[in-house]
Amino acid sequence: MVNSRQRRTLQALQAEPVNGTLEWERIESLFIALGCRVIEGPGSAVTFEKDGRRATFHRPHPGCEALRYRVRAAREWLERIGALP
């Protein structure tokens, strides 16, 4: 179940121009709320799996903001799993 903060994150992911200051933690929280399984990888790598589909991301460091390319990749992942039209 998606809470109000996660709904705001979903809206922020869809915004144009792409938001480059969105906290990665919020995106991960949204993925988990949508039923994605988290698979920790080496270093900063993290894979999300939903219905047999997988997407691998690298958590931002040292900062916590998901830069524009990560936001775009997160948006594409949400489209692939059917969470976005």
PDB file of N, CA and C in Angstrom:
ATOM      1  N   MET A   1       0.844  -1.181   0.000  1.00  0.00           N
ATOM      2  CA  MET A   1       0.000   0.000   0.000  1.00  0.00           C
ATOM      3  C   MET A   1       0.893   1.249   0.000  1.00  0.00           C
ATOM      4  N   VAL A   2       0.551   2.175  -0.837  1.00  0.00           N
ATOM      5  CA  VAL A   2       1.336   3.391  -1.003  1.00  0.00           C
ATOM      6  C   VAL A   2       0.784   4.485  -0.092  1.00  0.00           C
ATOM      7  N   ASN A   3       1.667   5.112   0.692  1.00  0.00           N
ATOM      8  CA  ASN A   3       1.228   6.187   1.575  1.00  0.00           C
ATOM      9  C   ASN A   3       1.318   7.538   0.854  1.00  0.00           C
ATOM     10  N   SER A   4       0.943   8.600   1.534  1.00  0.00           N
ATOM     11  CA  SER A   4       0.891   9.914   0.889  1.00  0.00           C
ATOM     12  C   SER A   4       2.281  10.407   0.467  1.00  0.00           C
ATOM     13  N   ARG A   5       3.294  10.120   1.265  1.00  0.00           N
ATOM     14  CA  ARG A   5       4.654  10.546   0.879  1.00  0.00           C
ATOM     15  C   ARG A   5       5.107   9.809  -0.385  1.00  0.00           C
ATOM     16  N   GLN A   6       4.779   8.533  -0.470  1.00  0.00           N
ATOM     17  CA  GLN A   6       5.146   7.749  -1.646  1.00  0.00           C
ATOM     18  C   GLN A   6       4.375   8.216  -2.882  1.00  0.00           C
ATOM     19  N   ARG A   7       3.125   8.640  -2.692  1.00  0.00           N
ATOM     20  CA  ARG A   7       2.361   9.213  -3.819  1.00  0.00           C
ATOM     21  C   ARG A   7       3.014  10.500  -4.313  1.00  0.00           C
ATOM     22  N   ARG A   8       3.504  11.324  -3.379  1.00  0.00           N
ATOM     23  CA  ARG A   8       4.208  12.550  -3.767  1.00  0.00           C
ATOM     24  C   ARG A   8       5.510  12.219  -4.502  1.00  0.00           C
ATOM     25  N   THR A   9       6.184  11.163  -4.062  1.00  0.00           N
ATOM     26  CA  THR A   9       7.408  10.726  -4.748  1.00  0.00           C
ATOM     27  C   THR A   9       7.075  10.281  -6.162  1.00  0.00           C
ATOM     28  N   LEU A  10       5.996   9.542  -6.323  1.00  0.00           N
ATOM     29  CA  LEU A  10       5.564   9.097  -7.650  1.00  0.00           C
ATOM     30  C   LEU A  10       5.285  10.296  -8.550  1.00  0.00           C
ATOM     31  N   GLN A  11       4.622  11.301  -8.011  1.00  0.00           N
ATOM     32  CA  GLN A  11       4.358  12.526  -8.782  1.00  0.00           C
ATOM     33  C   GLN A  11       5.653  13.240  -9.145  1.00  0.00           C
ATOM     34  N   ALA A  12       6.595  13.285  -8.201  1.00  0.00           N
ATOM     35  CA  ALA A  12       7.884  13.938  -8.456  1.00  0.00           C
ATOM     36  C   ALA A  12       8.667  13.204  -9.537  1.00  0.00           C
ATOM     37  N   LEU A  13       8.545  11.888  -9.581  1.00  0.00           N
ATOM     38  CA  LEU A  13       9.240  11.110 -10.609  1.00  0.00           C
ATOM     39  C   LEU A  13       8.689  11.390 -12.003  1.00  0.00           C
ATOM     40  N   GLN A  14       7.429  11.764 -12.076  1.00  0.00           N
ATOM     41  CA  GLN A  14       6.796  12.027 -13.368  1.00  0.00           C
ATOM     42  C   GLN A  14       6.955  13.475 -13.825  1.00  0.00           C
ATOM     43  N   ALA A  15       7.423  14.337 -12.952  1.00  0.00           N
ATOM     44  CA  ALA A  15       7.488  15.776 -13.244  1.00  0.00           C
ATOM     45  C   ALA A  15       8.488  16.075 -14.355  1.00  0.00           C
ATOM     46  N   GLU A  16       8.166  17.093 -15.115  1.00  0.00           N
ATOM     47  CA  GLU A  16       9.068  17.641 -16.137  1.00  0.00           C
ATOM     48  C   GLU A  16       9.310  19.093 -15.787  1.00  0.00           C
ATOM     49  N   PRO A  17      10.505  19.604 -15.832  1.00  0.00           N
ATOM     50  CA  PRO A  17      11.736  18.869 -16.110  1.00  0.00           C
ATOM     51  C   PRO A  17      12.059  17.894 -14.985  1.00  0.00           C
ATOM     52  N   VAL A  18      12.919  16.937 -15.281  1.00  0.00           N
ATOM     53  CA  VAL A  18      13.280  15.887 -14.325  1.00  0.00           C
ATOM     54  C   VAL A  18      13.911  16.510 -13.077  1.00  0.00           C
ATOM     55  N   ASN A  19      13.436  16.070 -11.924  1.00  0.00           N
ATOM     56  CA  ASN A  19      13.914  16.555 -10.631  1.00  0.00           C
ATOM     57  C   ASN A  19      15.229  15.861 -10.289  1.00  0.00           C
ATOM     58  N   GLY A  20      16.299  16.609 -10.164  1.00  0.00           N
ATOM     59  CA  GLY A  20      17.598  16.036  -9.843  1.00  0.00           C
ATOM     60  C   GLY A  20      17.966  16.126  -8.374  1.00  0.00           C
ATOM     61  N   THR A  21      17.002  16.487  -7.522  1.00  0.00           N
ATOM     62  CA  THR A  21      17.293  16.611  -6.092  1.00  0.00           C
ATOM     63  C   THR A  21      16.426  15.688  -5.236  1.00  0.00           C
ATOM     64  N   LEU A  22      15.762  14.752  -5.851  1.00  0.00           N
ATOM     65  CA  LEU A  22      14.906  13.806  -5.138  1.00  0.00           C
ATOM     66  C   LEU A  22      15.780  12.830  -4.342  1.00  0.00           C
ATOM     67  N   GLU A  23      15.441  12.614  -3.095  1.00  0.00           N
ATOM     68  CA  GLU A  23      16.227  11.712  -2.254  1.00  0.00           C
ATOM     69  C   GLU A  23      16.015  10.266  -2.701  1.00  0.00           C
ATOM     70  N   TRP A  24      17.107   9.540  -2.871  1.00  0.00           N
ATOM     71  CA  TRP A  24      17.043   8.153  -3.327  1.00  0.00           C
ATOM     72  C   TRP A  24      16.234   7.290  -2.360  1.00  0.00           C
ATOM     73  N   GLU A  25      16.333   7.581  -1.067  1.00  0.00           N
ATOM     74  CA  GLU A  25      15.584   6.846  -0.050  1.00  0.00           C
ATOM     75  C   GLU A  25      14.085   6.830  -0.355  1.00  0.00           C
ATOM     76  N   ARG A  26      13.574   7.957  -0.819  1.00  0.00           N
ATOM     77  CA  ARG A  26      12.143   8.055  -1.143  1.00  0.00           C
ATOM     78  C   ARG A  26      11.790   7.159  -2.325  1.00  0.00           C
ATOM     79  N   ILE A  27      12.679   7.076  -3.303  1.00  0.00           N
ATOM     80  CA  ILE A  27      12.426   6.234  -4.473  1.00  0.00           C
ATOM     81  C   ILE A  27      12.430   4.764  -4.066  1.00  0.00           C
ATOM     82  N   GLU A  28      13.405   4.380  -3.256  1.00  0.00           N
ATOM     83  CA  GLU A  28      13.455   2.992  -2.773  1.00  0.00           C
ATOM     84  C   GLU A  28      12.196   2.646  -1.989  1.00  0.00           C
ATOM     85  N   SER A  29      11.754   3.541  -1.141  1.00  0.00           N
ATOM     86  CA  SER A  29      10.550   3.322  -0.346  1.00  0.00           C
ATOM     87  C   SER A  29       9.340   3.092  -1.257  1.00  0.00           C
ATOM     88  N   LEU A  30       9.246   3.860  -2.329  1.00  0.00           N
ATOM     89  CA  LEU A  30       8.152   3.704  -3.287  1.00  0.00           C
ATOM     90  C   LEU A  30       8.228   2.330  -3.959  1.00  0.00           C
ATOM     91  N   PHE A  31       9.411   1.931  -4.413  1.00  0.00           N
ATOM     92  CA  PHE A  31       9.564   0.627  -5.058  1.00  0.00           C
ATOM     93  C   PHE A  31       9.101  -0.492  -4.121  1.00  0.00           C
ATOM     94  N   ILE A  32       9.499  -0.410  -2.867  1.00  0.00           N
ATOM     95  CA  ILE A  32       9.139  -1.442  -1.889  1.00  0.00           C
ATOM     96  C   ILE A  32       7.622  -1.445  -1.664  1.00  0.00           C
ATOM     97  N   ALA A  33       7.029  -0.270  -1.556  1.00  0.00           N
ATOM     98  CA  ALA A  33       5.578  -0.174  -1.349  1.00  0.00           C
ATOM     99  C   ALA A  33       4.804  -0.751  -2.533  1.00  0.00           C
ATOM    100  N   LEU A  34       5.404  -0.687  -3.722  1.00  0.00           N
ATOM    101  CA  LEU A  34       4.755  -1.231  -4.919  1.00  0.00           C
ATOM    102  C   LEU A  34       4.969  -2.737  -5.061  1.00  0.00           C
ATOM    103  N   GLY A  35       5.659  -3.331  -4.091  1.00  0.00           N
ATOM    104  CA  GLY A  35       5.819  -4.780  -4.078  1.00  0.00           C
ATOM    105  C   GLY A  35       7.121  -5.295  -4.652  1.00  0.00           C
ATOM    106  N   CYS A  36       8.084  -4.424  -4.848  1.00  0.00           N
ATOM    107  CA  CYS A  36       9.389  -4.863  -5.358  1.00  0.00           C
ATOM    108  C   CYS A  36      10.192  -5.521  -4.246  1.00  0.00           C
ATOM    109  N   ARG A  37      10.898  -6.572  -4.613  1.00  0.00           N
ATOM    110  CA  ARG A  37      11.812  -7.238  -3.694  1.00  0.00           C
ATOM    111  C   ARG A  37      13.176  -6.598  -3.859  1.00  0.00           C
ATOM    112  N   VAL A  38      13.868  -6.364  -2.755  1.00  0.00           N
ATOM    113  CA  VAL A  38      15.186  -5.725  -2.767  1.00  0.00           C
ATOM    114  C   VAL A  38      16.258  -6.800  -2.675  1.00  0.00           C
ATOM    115  N   ILE A  39      17.215  -6.744  -3.603  1.00  0.00           N
ATOM    116  CA  ILE A  39      18.343  -7.664  -3.599  1.00  0.00           C
ATOM    117  C   ILE A  39      19.602  -6.813  -3.504  1.00  0.00           C
ATOM    118  N   GLU A  40      20.275  -6.886  -2.366  1.00  0.00           N
ATOM    119  CA  GLU A  40      21.488  -6.095  -2.162  1.00  0.00           C
ATOM    120  C   GLU A  40      22.624  -6.679  -2.985  1.00  0.00           C
ATOM    121  N   GLY A  41      23.365  -5.820  -3.650  1.00  0.00           N
ATOM    122  CA  GLY A  41      24.499  -6.247  -4.441  1.00  0.00           C
ATOM    123  C   GLY A  41      25.790  -5.755  -3.821  1.00  0.00           C
ATOM    124  N   PRO A  42      26.881  -5.910  -4.552  1.00  0.00           N
ATOM    125  CA  PRO A  42      28.168  -5.439  -4.025  1.00  0.00           C
ATOM    126  C   PRO A  42      28.229  -3.917  -4.016  1.00  0.00           C
ATOM    127  N   GLY A  43      28.857  -3.374  -3.007  1.00  0.00           N
ATOM    128  CA  GLY A  43      29.017  -1.917  -2.926  1.00  0.00           C
ATOM    129  C   GLY A  43      27.683  -1.207  -2.839  1.00  0.00           C
ATOM    130  N   SER A  44      27.479  -0.261  -3.733  1.00  0.00           N
ATOM    131  CA  SER A  44      26.254   0.534  -3.704  1.00  0.00           C
ATOM    132  C   SER A  44      25.159  -0.033  -4.603  1.00  0.00           C
ATOM    133  N   ALA A  45      25.409  -1.173  -5.216  1.00  0.00           N
ATOM    134  CA  ALA A  45      24.431  -1.760  -6.135  1.00  0.00           C
ATOM    135  C   ALA A  45      23.238  -2.335  -5.378  1.00  0.00           C
ATOM    136  N   VAL A  46      22.065  -2.111  -5.939  1.00  0.00           N
ATOM    137  CA  VAL A  46      20.840  -2.682  -5.391  1.00  0.00           C
ATOM    138  C   VAL A  46      19.943  -3.045  -6.576  1.00  0.00           C
ATOM    139  N   THR A  47      19.373  -4.250  -6.511  1.00  0.00           N
ATOM    140  CA  THR A  47      18.485  -4.722  -7.572  1.00  0.00           C
ATOM    141  C   THR A  47      17.084  -4.813  -7.009  1.00  0.00           C
ATOM    142  N   PHE A  48      16.124  -4.400  -7.813  1.00  0.00           N
ATOM    143  CA  PHE A  48      14.715  -4.511  -7.454  1.00  0.00           C
ATOM    144  C   PHE A  48      14.083  -5.505  -8.407  1.00  0.00           C
ATOM    145  N   GLU A  49      13.255  -6.395  -7.849  1.00  0.00           N
ATOM    146  CA  GLU A  49      12.599  -7.407  -8.660  1.00  0.00           C
ATOM    147  C   GLU A  49      11.103  -7.358  -8.434  1.00  0.00           C
ATOM    148  N   LYS A  50      10.368  -7.426  -9.522  1.00  0.00           N
ATOM    149  CA  LYS A  50       8.905  -7.446  -9.441  1.00  0.00           C
ATOM    150  C   LYS A  50       8.396  -8.287 -10.607  1.00  0.00           C
ATOM    151  N   ASP A  51       7.629  -9.307 -10.302  1.00  0.00           N
ATOM    152  CA  ASP A  51       7.029 -10.172 -11.322  1.00  0.00           C
ATOM    153  C   ASP A  51       8.053 -10.704 -12.321  1.00  0.00           C
ATOM    154  N   GLY A  52       9.218 -11.100 -11.815  1.00  0.00           N
ATOM    155  CA  GLY A  52      10.249 -11.677 -12.671  1.00  0.00           C
ATOM    156  C   GLY A  52      11.094 -10.668 -13.422  1.00  0.00           C
ATOM    157  N   ARG A  53      10.778  -9.401 -13.305  1.00  0.00           N
ATOM    158  CA  ARG A  53      11.565  -8.343 -13.954  1.00  0.00           C
ATOM    159  C   ARG A  53      12.527  -7.756 -12.943  1.00  0.00           C
ATOM    160  N   ARG A  54      13.700  -7.387 -13.429  1.00  0.00           N
ATOM    161  CA  ARG A  54      14.722  -6.836 -12.535  1.00  0.00           C
ATOM    162  C   ARG A  54      15.302  -5.543 -13.086  1.00  0.00           C
ATOM    163  N   ALA A  55      15.667  -4.677 -12.150  1.00  0.00           N
ATOM    164  CA  ALA A  55      16.380  -3.439 -12.496  1.00  0.00           C
ATOM    165  C   ALA A  55      17.438  -3.215 -11.423  1.00  0.00           C
ATOM    166  N   THR A  56      18.643  -2.900 -11.869  1.00  0.00           N
ATOM    167  CA  THR A  56      19.747  -2.658 -10.940  1.00  0.00           C
ATOM    168  C   THR A  56      20.111  -1.179 -10.966  1.00  0.00           C
ATOM    169  N   PHE A  57      20.277  -0.623  -9.787  1.00  0.00           N
ATOM    170  CA  PHE A  57      20.649   0.773  -9.614  1.00  0.00           C
ATOM    171  C   PHE A  57      21.859   0.831  -8.690  1.00  0.00           C
ATOM    172  N   HIS A  58      22.528   1.951  -8.682  1.00  0.00           N
ATOM    173  CA  HIS A  58      23.586   2.208  -7.714  1.00  0.00           C
ATOM    174  C   HIS A  58      23.117   3.352  -6.832  1.00  0.00           C
ATOM    175  N   ARG A  59      23.112   3.093  -5.535  1.00  0.00           N
ATOM    176  CA  ARG A  59      22.692   4.138  -4.605  1.00  0.00           C
ATOM    177  C   ARG A  59      23.676   5.301  -4.680  1.00  0.00           C
ATOM    178  N   PRO A  60      23.152   6.524  -4.608  1.00  0.00           N
ATOM    179  CA  PRO A  60      24.046   7.684  -4.660  1.00  0.00           C
ATOM    180  C   PRO A  60      24.926   7.765  -3.416  1.00  0.00           C
ATOM    181  N   HIS A  61      26.148   8.196  -3.628  1.00  0.00           N
ATOM    182  CA  HIS A  61      27.063   8.426  -2.512  1.00  0.00           C
ATOM    183  C   HIS A  61      28.133   9.380  -2.977  1.00  0.00           C
ATOM    184  N   PRO A  62      28.638  10.250  -2.202  1.00  0.00           N
ATOM    185  CA  PRO A  62      28.381  10.374  -0.772  1.00  0.00           C
ATOM    186  C   PRO A  62      27.062  11.068  -0.459  1.00  0.00           C
ATOM    187  N   GLY A  63      26.440  11.739  -1.412  1.00  0.00           N
ATOM    188  CA  GLY A  63      25.179  12.427  -1.166  1.00  0.00           C
ATOM    189  C   GLY A  63      24.013  11.459  -1.166  1.00  0.00           C
ATOM    190  N   CYS A  64      22.823  11.988  -0.988  1.00  0.00           N
ATOM    191  CA  CYS A  64      21.641  11.124  -0.958  1.00  0.00           C
ATOM    192  C   CYS A  64      20.673  11.421  -2.102  1.00  0.00           C
ATOM    193  N   GLU A  65      20.997  12.439  -2.928  1.00  0.00           N
ATOM    194  CA  GLU A  65      20.093  12.820  -4.003  1.00  0.00           C
ATOM    195  C   GLU A  65      20.256  11.908  -5.210  1.00  0.00           C
ATOM    196  N   ALA A  66      19.121  11.530  -5.780  1.00  0.00           N
ATOM    197  CA  ALA A  66      19.118  10.767  -7.027  1.00  0.00           C
ATOM    198  C   ALA A  66      19.234  11.784  -8.155  1.00  0.00           C
ATOM    199  N   LEU A  67      20.339  11.803  -8.826  1.00  0.00           N
ATOM    200  CA  LEU A  67      20.535  12.753  -9.916  1.00  0.00           C
ATOM    201  C   LEU A  67      19.583  12.436 -11.061  1.00  0.00           C
ATOM    202  N   ARG A  68      19.507  13.333 -12.009  1.00  0.00           N
ATOM    203  CA  ARG A  68      18.505  13.216 -13.080  1.00  0.00           C
ATOM    204  C   ARG A  68      18.530  11.869 -13.794  1.00  0.00           C
ATOM    205  N   TYR A  69      19.721  11.339 -14.071  1.00  0.00           N
ATOM    206  CA  TYR A  69      19.775  10.067 -14.798  1.00  0.00           C
ATOM    207  C   TYR A  69      19.185   8.923 -13.962  1.00  0.00           C
ATOM    208  N   ARG A  70      19.338   8.986 -12.632  1.00  0.00           N
ATOM    209  CA  ARG A  70      18.730   7.959 -11.782  1.00  0.00           C
ATOM    210  C   ARG A  70      17.212   8.123 -11.740  1.00  0.00           C
ATOM    211  N   VAL A  71      16.755   9.357 -11.706  1.00  0.00           N
ATOM    212  CA  VAL A  71      15.308   9.610 -11.703  1.00  0.00           C
ATOM    213  C   VAL A  71      14.698   9.097 -13.003  1.00  0.00           C
ATOM    214  N   ARG A  72      15.360   9.368 -14.130  1.00  0.00           N
ATOM    215  CA  ARG A  72      14.862   8.857 -15.421  1.00  0.00           C
ATOM    216  C   ARG A  72      14.835   7.328 -15.422  1.00  0.00           C
ATOM    217  N   ALA A  73      15.879   6.706 -14.910  1.00  0.00           N
ATOM    218  CA  ALA A  73      15.937   5.239 -14.856  1.00  0.00           C
ATOM    219  C   ALA A  73      14.834   4.686 -13.945  1.00  0.00           C
ATOM    220  N   ALA A  74      14.581   5.351 -12.830  1.00  0.00           N
ATOM    221  CA  ALA A  74      13.508   4.927 -11.921  1.00  0.00           C
ATOM    222  C   ALA A  74      12.157   5.048 -12.612  1.00  0.00           C
ATOM    223  N   ARG A  75      11.966   6.109 -13.363  1.00  0.00           N
ATOM    224  CA  ARG A  75      10.716   6.309 -14.099  1.00  0.00           C
ATOM    225  C   ARG A  75      10.529   5.187 -15.129  1.00  0.00           C
ATOM    226  N   GLU A  76      11.595   4.857 -15.846  1.00  0.00           N
ATOM    227  CA  GLU A  76      11.522   3.772 -16.832  1.00  0.00           C
ATOM    228  C   GLU A  76      11.190   2.438 -16.163  1.00  0.00           C
ATOM    229  N   TRP A  77      11.769   2.185 -14.989  1.00  0.00           N
ATOM    230  CA  TRP A  77      11.478   0.965 -14.253  1.00  0.00           C
ATOM    231  C   TRP A  77      10.000   0.917 -13.854  1.00  0.00           C
ATOM    232  N   LEU A  78       9.477   2.027 -13.380  1.00  0.00           N
ATOM    233  CA  LEU A  78       8.060   2.072 -12.997  1.00  0.00           C
ATOM    234  C   LEU A  78       7.157   1.825 -14.203  1.00  0.00           C
ATOM    235  N   GLU A  79       7.546   2.308 -15.360  1.00  0.00           N
ATOM    236  CA  GLU A  79       6.774   2.057 -16.577  1.00  0.00           C
ATOM    237  C   GLU A  79       6.819   0.561 -16.929  1.00  0.00           C
ATOM    238  N   ARG A  80       7.993  -0.054 -16.817  1.00  0.00           N
ATOM    239  CA  ARG A  80       8.146  -1.463 -17.156  1.00  0.00           C
ATOM    240  C   ARG A  80       7.329  -2.376 -16.258  1.00  0.00           C
ATOM    241  N   ILE A  81       7.182  -2.003 -14.986  1.00  0.00           N
ATOM    242  CA  ILE A  81       6.411  -2.856 -14.077  1.00  0.00           C
ATOM    243  C   ILE A  81       4.932  -2.477 -14.023  1.00  0.00           C
ATOM    244  N   GLY A  82       4.545  -1.487 -14.828  1.00  0.00           N
ATOM    245  CA  GLY A  82       3.139  -1.123 -14.928  1.00  0.00           C
ATOM    246  C   GLY A  82       2.646  -0.171 -13.862  1.00  0.00           C
ATOM    247  N   ALA A  83       3.551   0.491 -13.147  1.00  0.00           N
ATOM    248  CA  ALA A  83       3.139   1.430 -12.103  1.00  0.00           C
ATOM    249  C   ALA A  83       2.866   2.826 -12.669  1.00  0.00           C
ATOM    250  N   LEU A  84       3.327   3.060 -13.889  1.00  0.00           N
ATOM    251  CA  LEU A  84       3.071   4.326 -14.599  1.00  0.00           C
ATOM    252  C   LEU A  84       2.419   4.009 -15.930  1.00  0.00           C
ATOM    253  N   PRO A  85       1.570   4.890 -16.394  1.00  0.00           N
ATOM    254  CA  PRO A  85       0.929   4.654 -17.716  1.00  0.00           C
ATOM    255  C   PRO A  85       1.917   4.755 -18.854  1.00  0.00           C
TER     256      PRO A  85
END
